[in-house]
Amino acid sequence: MSTANQALRKFRRERIVGRYVANPAVTLFRRIGVRTTFATELQTMGRKSGQWRSVPVSAGFDATGAWVISQHGHRSGWALNVADDPNVRIRQGHRWRSGTAHFVPDDDPLARVRTFATSALLSPLVIATFKALQSDPISVRIDFVD
């Protein structure tokens, strides 16, 4: 089986897990007030609905923006929304930040995800989780506009 077919099969499995298990769990925790450094909320404008769509993502923040990884590249729903309309909102702590997102294909997603760990002890867990869930990763830079 080709690598492209393996990535597509993995994407389909991961999309089901994300859509019906992981994303609803993160959303439930957020609604009851449990916040985690492993996930924040990204909102993109739905390319079909024209309404804001929320998805939990891991992010690394700096003074001018944030980095996120689309684990399934341009296949993920939120990445398709970004390609259609790059204006996004991302939650940084308790504050919403507006920004413009763009794909950075020359960036190394695995090296980037290493910067997401909040401590050296958590780094192996963050990297292992990323490797287990990714199929065709691409880095996305969000530059704050507010």
Protein backbone atom coordinates (compact mmCIF):
# COMPACT_ATOMS: atom_id res chain seq x y z
CA MET A 1 0.00 0.00 0.00
CA SER A 2 1.36 3.42 -0.92
CA THR A 3 2.25 6.02 1.68
CA ALA A 4 -0.47 8.34 0.33
CA ASN A 5 -3.11 5.62 0.80
CA GLN A 6 -1.87 4.90 4.32
CA ALA A 7 -2.06 8.60 5.21
CA LEU A 8 -5.61 8.80 3.81
CA ARG A 9 -6.74 5.74 5.79
CA LYS A 10 -5.16 7.12 8.96
CA PHE A 11 -6.81 10.49 8.34
CA ARG A 12 -10.23 8.86 8.03
CA ARG A 13 -9.76 6.94 11.29
CA GLU A 14 -8.42 9.98 13.14
CA ARG A 15 -11.23 12.19 11.84
CA ILE A 16 -13.80 9.83 13.36
CA VAL A 17 -11.97 9.75 16.71
CA GLY A 18 -11.54 13.53 16.70
CA ARG A 19 -15.08 14.33 15.63
CA TYR A 20 -16.90 11.93 17.95
CA VAL A 21 -14.55 11.44 20.95
CA ALA A 22 -11.63 13.88 21.40
CA ASN A 23 -13.17 17.18 20.25
CA PRO A 24 -16.45 16.69 22.19
CA ALA A 25 -14.46 15.74 25.32
CA VAL A 26 -12.30 18.88 25.11
CA THR A 27 -15.44 20.97 24.48
CA LEU A 28 -17.18 19.43 27.49
CA PHE A 29 -14.20 20.13 29.75
CA ARG A 30 -14.06 23.73 28.48
CA ARG A 31 -17.78 24.24 29.15
CA ILE A 32 -17.51 23.04 32.74
CA GLY A 33 -14.52 25.32 33.30
CA VAL A 34 -11.64 22.85 33.01
CA ARG A 35 -8.84 24.37 30.94
CA THR A 36 -5.73 22.60 29.78
CA THR A 37 -2.47 23.79 28.29
CA PHE A 38 -2.69 20.92 25.78
CA ALA A 39 -5.60 22.41 23.87
CA THR A 40 -7.03 25.79 23.09
CA GLU A 41 -9.92 26.81 20.91
CA LEU A 42 -9.52 27.94 17.30
CA GLN A 43 -12.42 29.48 15.42
CA THR A 44 -12.55 29.62 11.64
CA MET A 45 -15.29 30.91 9.37
CA GLY A 46 -17.14 27.94 7.88
CA ARG A 47 -16.62 27.83 4.13
CA LYS A 48 -20.13 26.43 3.59
CA SER A 49 -22.09 27.73 6.58
CA GLY A 50 -20.56 31.19 6.80
CA GLN A 51 -20.64 30.83 10.61
CA TRP A 52 -17.82 30.56 13.12
CA ARG A 53 -16.69 26.96 13.64
CA SER A 54 -14.71 25.95 16.74
CA VAL A 55 -12.11 23.22 17.02
CA PRO A 56 -9.66 22.36 19.80
CA VAL A 57 -6.00 22.67 18.75
CA SER A 58 -2.61 22.66 20.40
CA ALA A 59 -0.90 26.01 20.04
CA GLY A 60 2.35 27.73 20.84
CA PHE A 61 1.99 31.45 21.50
CA ASP A 62 4.53 34.24 21.17
CA ALA A 63 4.32 38.03 21.33
CA THR A 64 2.92 38.51 17.81
CA GLY A 65 0.90 35.39 17.17
CA ALA A 66 0.54 31.66 17.51
CA TRP A 67 1.65 28.47 15.82
CA VAL A 68 -0.70 25.53 15.35
CA ILE A 69 -0.29 22.29 13.46
CA SER A 70 -2.88 20.94 11.07
CA GLN A 71 -2.20 17.27 11.75
CA HIS A 72 -3.96 16.22 8.57
CA GLY A 73 -2.60 18.98 6.37
CA HIS A 74 -5.02 20.62 3.98
CA ARG A 75 -7.56 17.78 4.48
CA SER A 76 -8.82 18.86 7.89
CA GLY A 77 -12.03 20.85 8.00
CA TRP A 78 -10.52 23.82 9.79
CA ALA A 79 -7.58 23.92 7.34
CA LEU A 80 -10.04 24.00 4.43
CA ASN A 81 -11.80 26.88 6.18
CA VAL A 82 -8.48 28.74 6.62
CA ALA A 83 -7.67 28.25 2.95
CA ASP A 84 -11.03 29.82 2.08
CA ASP A 85 -10.90 32.63 4.68
CA PRO A 86 -7.67 33.17 6.67
CA ASN A 87 -9.33 35.38 9.32
CA VAL A 88 -9.45 33.37 12.55
CA ARG A 89 -9.90 33.75 16.29
CA ILE A 90 -7.91 31.81 18.87
CA ARG A 91 -8.30 31.65 22.62
CA GLN A 92 -5.17 32.64 24.51
CA GLY A 93 -5.94 31.87 28.14
CA HIS A 94 -9.23 33.62 28.87
CA ARG A 95 -8.89 36.09 25.99
CA TRP A 96 -9.91 35.77 22.35
CA ARG A 97 -7.35 37.01 19.83
CA SER A 98 -8.11 37.82 16.19
CA GLY A 99 -5.57 36.90 13.58
CA THR A 100 -4.72 35.97 10.04
CA ALA A 101 -3.66 32.38 9.44
CA HIS A 102 -1.39 31.07 6.72
CA PHE A 103 0.21 27.72 5.98
CA VAL A 104 3.99 27.45 6.36
CA PRO A 105 4.99 24.38 4.34
CA ASP A 106 8.74 24.99 4.86
CA ASP A 107 8.40 24.75 8.65
CA ASP A 108 9.16 21.41 10.36
CA PRO A 109 5.93 20.36 12.17
CA LEU A 110 7.72 17.87 14.45
CA ALA A 111 10.26 20.48 15.53
CA ARG A 112 7.43 22.97 15.97
CA VAL A 113 5.35 20.63 18.14
CA ARG A 114 8.34 20.20 20.47
CA THR A 115 7.90 23.87 21.40
CA PHE A 116 4.31 23.21 22.54
CA ALA A 117 5.32 21.23 25.65
CA THR A 118 4.99 23.29 28.82
CA SER A 119 7.81 21.36 30.55
CA ALA A 120 10.68 19.05 29.64
CA LEU A 121 8.87 16.19 31.40
CA LEU A 122 5.82 16.57 29.16
CA SER A 123 7.76 16.87 25.91
CA PRO A 124 7.91 13.10 25.18
CA LEU A 125 4.15 12.80 25.77
CA VAL A 126 3.36 15.76 23.51
CA ILE A 127 5.59 14.40 20.72
CA ALA A 128 4.23 10.84 21.02
CA THR A 129 0.64 12.08 20.90
CA PHE A 130 1.39 14.24 17.88
CA LYS A 131 3.05 11.35 16.01
CA ALA A 132 0.15 9.03 16.82
CA LEU A 133 -2.48 11.46 15.54
CA GLN A 134 -0.84 13.07 12.50
CA SER A 135 -1.18 11.88 8.92
CA ASP A 136 0.10 14.76 6.78
CA PRO A 137 1.06 17.60 9.14
CA ILE A 138 1.62 21.20 8.14
CA SER A 139 2.46 24.20 10.32
CA VAL A 140 0.06 27.13 10.42
CA ARG A 141 1.08 30.58 11.60
CA ILE A 142 -1.53 32.93 13.03
CA ASP A 143 -0.44 36.57 13.12
CA PHE A 144 -2.45 38.63 15.61
CA VAL A 145 -4.27 41.65 14.20
CA ASP A 146 -5.67 42.98 17.49
